[in-house]
Amino acid sequence: MVKVPPRVHEAALLRRLGPGLITGAADDDPSGIATYSQAGARYGYGLLWTMLLTYPLMAAIQSVAARIGRVTGQGLAANIAETFPKPVMWVLVLLLFAANTINIGADLAAMGAAAELLTGQPSHWYGLAFGAISLLLQLFVPYHRYVRILKWLTLVLFAYVAVVIMANVDWAEALTRMFVPDIRLDAQAITLIVAVFGTTISPYLFFWQSSQEVEEIEDEPDAEPLKDLPPDSREELKRIRLDTLVGMGFSNAIALAIMIATAATLHASGQTNIESAAQAAEALRPVAGPFAFVLFAVGIIGTGLLAVPVLAGSTAFATAEGQGWKCGLEYKPWQAWGFYAVIALAMGMGVLIDFSPIDPIQALVWSAVINGVVAVPIMAVMMILAGRTSVMGVFTATPVQLVLGWLATAVMAAAAVAMFVVW
């Protein structure tokens, strides 16, 4: 028997990771970093349990989104448009557009603020530059090359693992609070929990991963939607499961690292009122040292460069698919002008939000809360699609996916309702 070198296995594994890995990494955007930093600074290790809950729910709902794209050969919005009345599709797309635009503006503001901390130059111009870079990459770099850039950008998230290593973590306390929560559920705590859920299980991730599975089909000459293949063609579903489990595991592990790092440094030193990612980075400097501060700030910029294109791209995919326009990052701008016009519009409005009088600190928090509320109807529609043989053929969602997907929808709905009640 010929022995296969370990490096060959590693290369094969990396090739199998794509939409799920990028989607999971894009989830830890500056808005998410701000939310996780707030959770760690304000409640110490008290909200670590949320990551134990979000991982299986997030993995299930994202695998459903990916499955819909790979099985049907169409993105989520196109399937919604074919199955539900047009007004349903447009309400969901408009909610997505609003949530994503606010998120882009908040992320650009946080990236600019992080760059200002590192260089001392005005933050707004950095936000404009980062927005322009992201837009140009999407306009002029083909998908098969662009996706490699996004894969490499996921490595920046290890900066937060390094911060945890440098922090003085009480691991006994952290593990205890992860499994035995100790927190008073007042209005502030419930709002932050909704924000944690909303920034972890976000609507733009559903549309992006579903559409990226379609892009993968179009990028491979021999690939076809699974619906058009024999029922035993399940290799791609295994690849989706692995890709999604690894990607969402990576996302939740980084979120845990941010919570633990800020709990061990900021909360432990009495700095509990942290409301932005850049503020968390600045507060780390006297507590954990200048190197931890630099790592945290660079991580904000890197994750923003990964997440902002995903936010704008998911908006464009949803809008173009709903209208029946040609869409895809493999096309040149003049070949899919409507698709790229939406990307430019979302990016431009995000830049305007950064330059507007809107408080970027509040924008970061509320973008996560809005995502948590908007996700509920979109998740419900997704689960209906995934269970219909008229949409999925013989490849409907598995019983485990259906149970966990509907459970995720119920948990998000309950959190949102609880937030409104305590208000």
Protein backbone atom coordinates (compact mmCIF):
# COMPACT_ATOMS: atom_id res chain seq x y z
CA MET A 1 0.00 0.00 0.00
CA VAL A 2 1.33 3.42 -0.97
CA LYS A 3 1.56 5.78 1.97
CA VAL A 4 0.02 9.19 1.30
CA PRO A 5 2.13 12.01 2.80
CA PRO A 6 0.36 14.04 5.55
CA ARG A 7 0.79 17.21 3.49
CA VAL A 8 -1.34 15.70 0.70
CA HIS A 9 -4.14 14.99 3.19
CA GLU A 10 -3.86 18.56 4.56
CA ALA A 11 -3.99 20.04 1.04
CA ALA A 12 -7.04 17.91 0.21
CA LEU A 13 -8.75 19.08 3.42
CA LEU A 14 -8.02 22.74 2.65
CA ARG A 15 -9.46 22.32 -0.86
CA ARG A 16 -12.66 20.93 0.65
CA LEU A 17 -13.02 24.01 2.84
CA GLY A 18 -14.48 27.03 1.08
CA PRO A 19 -17.89 28.73 1.51
CA GLY A 20 -18.35 27.43 5.07
CA LEU A 21 -14.90 28.48 6.26
CA ILE A 22 -15.17 31.97 4.73
CA THR A 23 -18.74 32.40 6.01
CA GLY A 24 -17.74 31.40 9.54
CA ALA A 25 -14.71 33.70 9.56
CA ALA A 26 -16.75 36.61 8.15
CA ASP A 27 -19.12 36.18 11.10
CA ASP A 28 -16.42 37.56 13.44
CA ASP A 29 -16.59 41.04 11.90
CA PRO A 30 -15.88 44.27 13.84
CA SER A 31 -19.53 44.38 14.91
CA GLY A 32 -19.18 40.88 16.30
CA ILE A 33 -15.86 41.72 17.98
CA ALA A 34 -17.51 44.70 19.66
CA THR A 35 -20.42 42.57 20.88
CA TYR A 36 -18.20 39.75 22.17
CA SER A 37 -15.90 42.34 23.82
CA GLN A 38 -18.90 43.90 25.55
CA ALA A 39 -20.02 40.49 26.80
CA GLY A 40 -16.57 39.68 28.23
CA ALA A 41 -15.94 43.12 29.72
CA ARG A 42 -19.36 43.56 31.28
CA TYR A 43 -20.13 40.05 32.51
CA GLY A 44 -16.72 38.39 32.69
CA TYR A 45 -17.03 34.70 31.92
CA GLY A 46 -20.79 34.84 32.55
CA LEU A 47 -21.89 34.70 28.89
CA LEU A 48 -19.50 32.04 27.62
CA TRP A 49 -22.43 29.57 27.68
CA THR A 50 -23.97 31.35 24.69
CA MET A 51 -21.27 29.90 22.41
CA LEU A 52 -22.12 26.36 23.50
CA LEU A 53 -25.69 27.05 22.38
CA THR A 54 -24.95 28.94 19.18
CA TYR A 55 -22.47 26.45 17.66
CA PRO A 56 -24.84 23.51 16.93
CA LEU A 57 -27.67 25.88 16.00
CA MET A 58 -25.46 27.97 13.72
CA ALA A 59 -23.91 24.90 12.08
CA ALA A 60 -27.36 23.44 11.42
CA ILE A 61 -28.89 26.58 9.91
CA GLN A 62 -25.81 27.33 7.77
CA SER A 63 -25.69 23.76 6.48
CA VAL A 64 -29.35 24.13 5.49
CA ALA A 65 -28.53 27.36 3.60
CA ALA A 66 -25.59 25.67 1.82
CA ARG A 67 -27.69 22.59 1.05
CA ILE A 68 -30.40 24.71 -0.60
CA GLY A 69 -27.81 26.35 -2.88
CA ARG A 70 -26.01 23.12 -3.83
CA VAL A 71 -29.14 21.03 -4.37
CA THR A 72 -31.15 23.56 -6.40
CA GLY A 73 -28.32 25.40 -8.17
CA GLN A 74 -29.98 28.66 -7.08
CA GLY A 75 -29.36 31.02 -4.20
CA LEU A 76 -31.69 31.48 -1.26
CA ALA A 77 -33.51 34.53 -2.65
CA ALA A 78 -34.19 32.84 -6.00
CA ASN A 79 -35.76 29.88 -4.20
CA ILE A 80 -37.85 32.18 -2.00
CA ALA A 81 -39.04 34.07 -5.10
CA GLU A 82 -40.13 30.82 -6.78
CA THR A 83 -41.86 29.33 -3.74
CA PHE A 84 -43.45 32.27 -1.90
CA PRO A 85 -45.43 35.31 -3.04
CA LYS A 86 -43.22 38.13 -4.32
CA PRO A 87 -44.06 40.48 -1.40
CA VAL A 88 -42.63 37.91 1.06
CA MET A 89 -39.37 37.79 -0.87
CA TRP A 90 -39.09 41.58 -1.11
CA VAL A 91 -39.83 42.16 2.58
CA LEU A 92 -37.04 39.73 3.49
CA VAL A 93 -34.61 41.26 0.98
CA LEU A 94 -35.35 44.81 2.21
CA LEU A 95 -34.82 43.72 5.82
CA LEU A 96 -31.53 42.14 4.79
CA PHE A 97 -30.48 45.27 2.87
CA ALA A 98 -31.20 47.52 5.87
CA ALA A 99 -29.41 45.26 8.37
CA ASN A 100 -26.39 44.76 6.07
CA THR A 101 -26.01 48.45 5.20
CA ILE A 102 -25.98 49.44 8.88
CA ASN A 103 -23.52 46.61 9.53
CA ILE A 104 -21.20 47.77 6.71
CA GLY A 105 -21.21 51.34 8.05
CA ALA A 106 -20.54 50.15 11.61
CA ASP A 107 -17.73 47.84 10.43
CA LEU A 108 -16.04 50.53 8.33
CA ALA A 109 -16.23 52.94 11.29
CA ALA A 110 -14.67 50.33 13.60
CA MET A 111 -11.92 49.54 11.07
CA GLY A 112 -11.17 53.26 10.69
CA ALA A 113 -11.09 53.73 14.46
CA ALA A 114 -8.68 50.79 14.82
CA ALA A 115 -6.42 52.23 12.10
CA GLU A 116 -6.51 55.63 13.84
CA LEU A 117 -5.38 53.98 17.09
CA LEU A 118 -2.41 52.45 15.27
CA THR A 119 -1.40 55.49 13.18
CA GLY A 120 -2.98 58.59 14.74
CA GLN A 121 -4.54 59.62 11.40
CA PRO A 122 -8.29 60.50 11.05
CA SER A 123 -10.50 57.43 11.11
CA HIS A 124 -13.13 58.41 8.50
CA TRP A 125 -10.62 58.48 5.65
CA TYR A 126 -9.43 55.03 6.60
CA GLY A 127 -13.05 53.84 6.51
CA LEU A 128 -13.41 55.31 3.01
CA ALA A 129 -10.17 53.63 1.89
CA PHE A 130 -11.18 50.24 3.28
CA GLY A 131 -14.57 50.53 1.57
CA ALA A 132 -12.92 51.42 -1.75
CA ILE A 133 -10.47 48.50 -1.49
CA SER A 134 -13.27 46.04 -0.79
CA LEU A 135 -15.37 47.39 -3.66
CA LEU A 136 -12.51 47.28 -6.18
CA LEU A 137 -11.63 43.70 -5.24
CA GLN A 138 -15.21 42.59 -5.81
CA LEU A 139 -15.49 44.50 -9.09
CA PHE A 140 -12.28 43.43 -10.77
CA VAL A 141 -11.00 40.17 -9.20
CA PRO A 142 -12.70 36.97 -10.47
CA TYR A 143 -14.33 34.75 -7.88
CA HIS A 144 -11.85 31.86 -8.18
CA ARG A 145 -9.02 34.25 -7.27
CA TYR A 146 -10.98 36.39 -4.86
CA VAL A 147 -11.98 33.37 -2.78
CA ARG A 148 -8.28 32.59 -2.20
CA ILE A 149 -7.77 36.10 -0.83
CA LEU A 150 -10.70 35.60 1.55
CA LYS A 151 -9.32 32.22 2.68
CA TRP A 152 -5.96 33.78 3.57
CA LEU A 153 -7.69 36.62 5.43
CA THR A 154 -9.25 34.08 7.81
CA LEU A 155 -5.79 33.64 9.35
CA VAL A 156 -5.97 37.13 10.91
CA LEU A 157 -8.48 35.77 13.43
CA PHE A 158 -5.71 33.86 15.17
CA ALA A 159 -4.65 37.24 16.58
CA TYR A 160 -7.37 36.77 19.19
CA VAL A 161 -6.06 33.35 20.15
CA ALA A 162 -2.67 35.01 20.74
CA VAL A 163 -4.33 37.63 22.99
CA VAL A 164 -5.87 34.81 25.09
CA ILE A 165 -2.46 33.16 25.42
CA MET A 166 -0.98 36.44 26.73
CA ALA A 167 -3.88 37.10 29.12
CA ASN A 168 -3.97 35.81 32.70
CA VAL A 169 -7.05 33.59 32.31
CA ASP A 170 -8.67 31.88 35.28
CA TRP A 171 -9.46 28.70 33.35
CA ALA A 172 -11.22 26.99 36.25
CA GLU A 173 -13.64 29.91 36.56
CA ALA A 174 -14.04 30.22 32.76
CA LEU A 175 -14.94 26.54 32.32
CA THR A 176 -17.29 26.60 35.31
CA ARG A 177 -19.19 29.64 34.01
CA MET A 178 -19.30 28.16 30.50
CA PHE A 179 -21.35 25.22 31.75
CA VAL A 180 -22.97 26.79 34.86
CA PRO A 181 -24.04 30.36 33.98
CA ASP A 182 -24.23 32.90 36.78
CA ILE A 183 -25.86 36.06 35.47
CA ARG A 184 -28.87 38.21 36.34
CA LEU A 185 -31.13 38.46 33.27
CA ASP A 186 -32.11 42.14 33.31
CA ALA A 187 -32.97 44.23 30.23
CA GLN A 188 -29.32 45.06 29.55
CA ALA A 189 -28.19 41.43 29.76
CA ILE A 190 -31.02 40.15 27.54
CA THR A 191 -30.32 42.83 24.91
CA LEU A 192 -26.66 41.82 24.89
CA ILE A 193 -27.60 38.12 24.59
CA VAL A 194 -29.81 38.97 21.58
CA ALA A 195 -26.86 40.90 20.14
CA VAL A 196 -24.57 37.89 20.68
CA PHE A 197 -27.08 35.60 18.96
CA GLY A 198 -27.67 38.16 16.20
CA THR A 199 -24.00 38.71 15.44
CA THR A 200 -23.35 34.93 15.48
CA ILE A 201 -26.43 33.70 13.57
CA SER A 202 -26.77 36.52 11.03
CA PRO A 203 -29.03 36.74 7.94
CA TYR A 204 -26.26 37.81 5.56
CA LEU A 205 -24.43 34.55 6.27
CA PHE A 206 -27.42 32.49 5.07
CA PHE A 207 -27.60 34.26 1.70
CA TRP A 208 -23.83 34.35 1.24
CA GLN A 209 -23.13 30.66 1.87
CA SER A 210 -26.10 29.56 -0.24
CA SER A 211 -24.97 31.74 -3.17
CA GLN A 212 -21.34 30.67 -2.81
CA GLU A 213 -22.38 27.04 -3.26
CA VAL A 214 -23.99 28.14 -6.53
CA GLU A 215 -20.76 29.94 -7.47
CA GLU A 216 -18.82 26.72 -6.76
CA ILE A 217 -21.10 24.84 -9.18
CA GLU A 218 -20.59 27.46 -11.90
CA ASP A 219 -16.84 27.53 -11.30
CA GLU A 220 -16.48 23.77 -11.87
CA PRO A 221 -17.09 22.71 -15.51
CA ASP A 222 -18.39 19.24 -14.57
CA ALA A 223 -20.46 20.27 -11.54
CA GLU A 224 -24.27 20.28 -11.56
CA PRO A 225 -26.99 20.97 -8.99
CA LEU A 226 -27.53 17.84 -6.90
CA LYS A 227 -31.20 17.88 -7.87
CA ASP A 228 -30.13 16.89 -11.42
CA LEU A 229 -27.91 14.02 -10.23
CA PRO A 230 -28.73 10.50 -8.98
CA PRO A 231 -29.89 10.18 -5.35
CA ASP A 232 -26.63 8.48 -4.36
CA SER A 233 -24.58 11.59 -5.34
CA ARG A 234 -24.00 12.59 -1.73
CA GLU A 235 -20.29 13.34 -1.73
CA GLU A 236 -20.99 17.07 -1.98
CA LEU A 237 -23.32 16.94 1.01
CA LYS A 238 -20.50 15.38 3.04
CA ARG A 239 -18.19 18.16 1.88
CA ILE A 240 -20.78 20.79 2.88
CA ARG A 241 -21.16 19.18 6.32
CA LEU A 242 -17.40 19.18 6.92
CA ASP A 243 -16.96 22.70 5.54
CA THR A 244 -19.79 24.07 7.67
CA LEU A 245 -18.82 22.29 10.89
CA VAL A 246 -15.22 23.51 10.57
CA GLY A 247 -16.20 27.06 9.51
CA MET A 248 -18.79 27.58 12.26
CA GLY A 249 -16.51 25.90 14.81
CA PHE A 250 -13.77 28.35 13.84
CA SER A 251 -16.21 31.27 14.15
CA ASN A 252 -17.44 30.26 17.60
CA ALA A 253 -13.93 29.44 18.86
CA ILE A 254 -12.73 32.95 17.94
CA ALA A 255 -15.82 34.48 19.58
CA LEU A 256 -15.00 32.50 22.73
CA ALA A 257 -11.39 33.72 22.57
CA ILE A 258 -12.53 37.36 22.39
CA MET A 259 -14.92 36.92 25.33
CA ILE A 260 -12.29 35.14 27.43
CA ALA A 261 -9.57 37.70 26.59
CA THR A 262 -11.73 40.70 27.51
CA ALA A 263 -13.08 38.95 30.63
CA ALA A 264 -9.56 38.11 31.84
CA THR A 265 -8.21 41.61 31.18
CA LEU A 266 -10.89 44.32 31.07
CA HIS A 267 -13.54 42.83 33.38
CA ALA A 268 -10.86 41.70 35.84
CA SER A 269 -9.47 45.25 36.00
CA GLY A 270 -12.90 46.86 36.45
CA GLN A 271 -13.29 48.20 32.88
CA THR A 272 -16.80 46.95 32.21
CA ASN A 273 -18.20 49.70 29.98
CA ILE A 274 -16.73 48.75 26.60
CA GLU A 275 -18.97 49.60 23.65
CA SER A 276 -16.83 49.23 20.54
CA ALA A 277 -14.12 47.00 19.13
CA ALA A 278 -11.63 49.88 18.91
CA GLN A 279 -12.37 50.90 22.51
CA ALA A 280 -11.70 47.30 23.58
CA ALA A 281 -8.36 47.37 21.76
CA GLU A 282 -7.38 50.68 23.39
CA ALA A 283 -8.41 49.44 26.84
CA LEU A 284 -6.23 46.34 26.41
CA ARG A 285 -3.04 48.41 26.07
CA PRO A 286 -2.46 49.24 29.78
CA VAL A 287 -3.86 45.89 30.97
CA ALA A 288 -2.36 43.31 28.59
CA GLY A 289 0.47 45.30 27.04
CA PRO A 290 1.10 47.05 23.70
CA PHE A 291 1.52 43.82 21.72
CA ALA A 292 -1.94 42.57 22.72
CA PHE A 293 -3.34 45.99 21.80
CA VAL A 294 -1.72 45.84 18.32
CA LEU A 295 -2.95 42.29 17.71
CA PHE A 296 -6.50 43.21 18.70
CA ALA A 297 -6.51 46.34 16.50
CA VAL A 298 -4.99 44.58 13.47
CA GLY A 299 -7.54 41.80 13.91
CA ILE A 300 -10.37 44.35 13.68
CA ILE A 301 -9.06 45.67 10.36
CA GLY A 302 -8.42 42.20 8.94
CA THR A 303 -11.82 40.81 9.90
CA GLY A 304 -13.49 43.91 8.48
CA LEU A 305 -11.73 43.39 5.13
CA LEU A 306 -13.10 39.84 5.19
CA ALA A 307 -16.63 40.66 6.37
CA VAL A 308 -17.49 43.86 4.46
CA PRO A 309 -17.35 42.18 1.02
CA VAL A 310 -19.46 39.32 2.37
CA LEU A 311 -22.06 41.79 3.67
CA ALA A 312 -22.23 43.73 0.39
CA GLY A 313 -22.07 40.54 -1.68
CA SER A 314 -24.91 38.83 0.19
CA THR A 315 -27.09 41.92 -0.32
CA ALA A 316 -26.33 41.88 -4.06
CA PHE A 317 -26.97 38.14 -4.41
CA ALA A 318 -30.32 38.43 -2.61
CA THR A 319 -31.46 41.42 -4.67
CA ALA A 320 -30.27 40.12 -8.05
CA GLU A 321 -31.64 36.61 -7.50
CA GLY A 322 -34.99 38.04 -6.43
CA GLN A 323 -35.14 40.09 -9.64
CA GLY A 324 -33.87 37.31 -11.87
CA TRP A 325 -30.76 39.31 -12.83
CA LYS A 326 -27.49 37.74 -13.83
CA CYS A 327 -25.34 37.56 -10.70
CA GLY A 328 -21.99 36.19 -9.58
CA LEU A 329 -18.51 37.39 -8.67
CA GLU A 330 -17.06 35.51 -11.65
CA TYR A 331 -18.76 37.97 -14.04
CA LYS A 332 -17.21 41.25 -15.14
CA PRO A 333 -19.06 44.37 -13.91
CA TRP A 334 -20.50 45.11 -17.38
CA GLN A 335 -21.79 41.53 -17.65
CA ALA A 336 -23.85 41.72 -14.43
CA TRP A 337 -24.25 45.45 -13.94
CA GLY A 338 -27.34 45.21 -11.69
CA PHE A 339 -25.60 42.80 -9.32
CA TYR A 340 -22.49 45.00 -9.03
CA ALA A 341 -24.60 48.17 -8.79
CA VAL A 342 -26.17 46.79 -5.59
CA ILE A 343 -22.71 46.00 -4.19
CA ALA A 344 -21.60 49.57 -4.95
CA LEU A 345 -24.80 51.02 -3.47
CA ALA A 346 -24.50 49.00 -0.24
CA MET A 347 -20.84 49.94 0.09
CA GLY A 348 -21.51 53.63 -0.67
CA MET A 349 -24.32 53.83 1.89
CA GLY A 350 -22.08 52.13 4.44
CA VAL A 351 -19.41 54.80 3.86
CA LEU A 352 -22.05 57.53 4.25
CA ILE A 353 -23.13 56.02 7.58
CA ASP A 354 -19.48 56.14 8.68
CA PHE A 355 -19.33 59.87 7.79
CA SER A 356 -22.78 60.64 9.25
CA PRO A 357 -23.49 61.91 12.80
CA ILE A 358 -24.73 58.41 13.72
CA ASP A 359 -22.81 57.18 16.75
CA PRO A 360 -20.61 54.31 15.46
CA ILE A 361 -20.56 52.75 18.92
CA GLN A 362 -24.34 52.47 18.99
CA ALA A 363 -24.39 51.41 15.32
CA LEU A 364 -22.16 48.44 16.13
CA VAL A 365 -24.41 47.25 18.94
CA TRP A 366 -27.67 47.86 17.14
CA SER A 367 -26.52 46.21 13.92
CA ALA A 368 -26.11 43.01 15.96
CA VAL A 369 -29.52 43.44 17.63
CA ILE A 370 -31.21 44.15 14.27
CA ASN A 371 -29.59 41.03 12.80
CA GLY A 372 -30.98 39.01 15.69
CA VAL A 373 -34.53 40.20 14.96
CA VAL A 374 -34.33 40.06 11.14
CA ALA A 375 -32.89 36.53 11.21
CA VAL A 376 -36.10 35.00 12.61
CA PRO A 377 -38.46 35.29 9.58
CA ILE A 378 -35.65 34.47 7.14
CA MET A 379 -34.76 31.31 9.11
CA ALA A 380 -38.41 30.23 9.17
CA VAL A 381 -38.69 30.61 5.38
CA MET A 382 -35.40 28.70 4.91
CA MET A 383 -36.59 25.77 6.99
CA ILE A 384 -39.83 25.56 4.99
CA LEU A 385 -37.82 25.49 1.74
CA ALA A 386 -35.41 22.84 3.07
CA GLY A 387 -38.26 20.49 3.97
CA ARG A 388 -40.13 20.69 0.65
CA THR A 389 -39.59 17.95 -1.93
CA SER A 390 -40.90 20.34 -4.62
CA VAL A 391 -37.80 22.48 -3.95
CA MET A 392 -35.20 19.95 -2.81
CA GLY A 393 -36.29 16.73 -4.53
CA VAL A 394 -34.86 13.72 -2.67
CA PHE A 395 -32.28 15.93 -0.96
CA THR A 396 -34.53 17.55 1.64
CA ALA A 397 -32.89 18.45 4.94
CA THR A 398 -32.13 15.57 7.28
CA PRO A 399 -34.24 15.05 10.44
CA VAL A 400 -31.33 16.34 12.56
CA GLN A 401 -31.03 19.48 10.41
CA LEU A 402 -34.78 20.07 10.57
CA VAL A 403 -34.91 19.69 14.36
CA LEU A 404 -31.83 21.87 15.00
CA GLY A 405 -32.83 24.41 12.32
CA TRP A 406 -36.31 24.92 13.76
CA LEU A 407 -34.84 24.94 17.28
CA ALA A 408 -32.42 27.70 16.18
CA THR A 409 -35.37 29.65 14.77
CA ALA A 410 -37.32 29.22 18.02
CA VAL A 411 -34.35 30.26 20.18
CA MET A 412 -33.77 33.41 18.10
CA ALA A 413 -37.48 34.26 18.22
CA ALA A 414 -37.65 33.71 21.99
CA ALA A 415 -34.59 35.91 22.56
CA ALA A 416 -36.05 38.71 20.43
CA VAL A 417 -39.45 38.51 22.16
CA ALA A 418 -37.77 38.49 25.59
CA MET A 419 -35.83 41.61 24.66
CA PHE A 420 -38.98 43.50 23.65
CA VAL A 421 -40.81 42.33 26.79
CA VAL A 422 -38.11 43.47 29.22
CA TRP A 423 -37.92 46.84 27.45
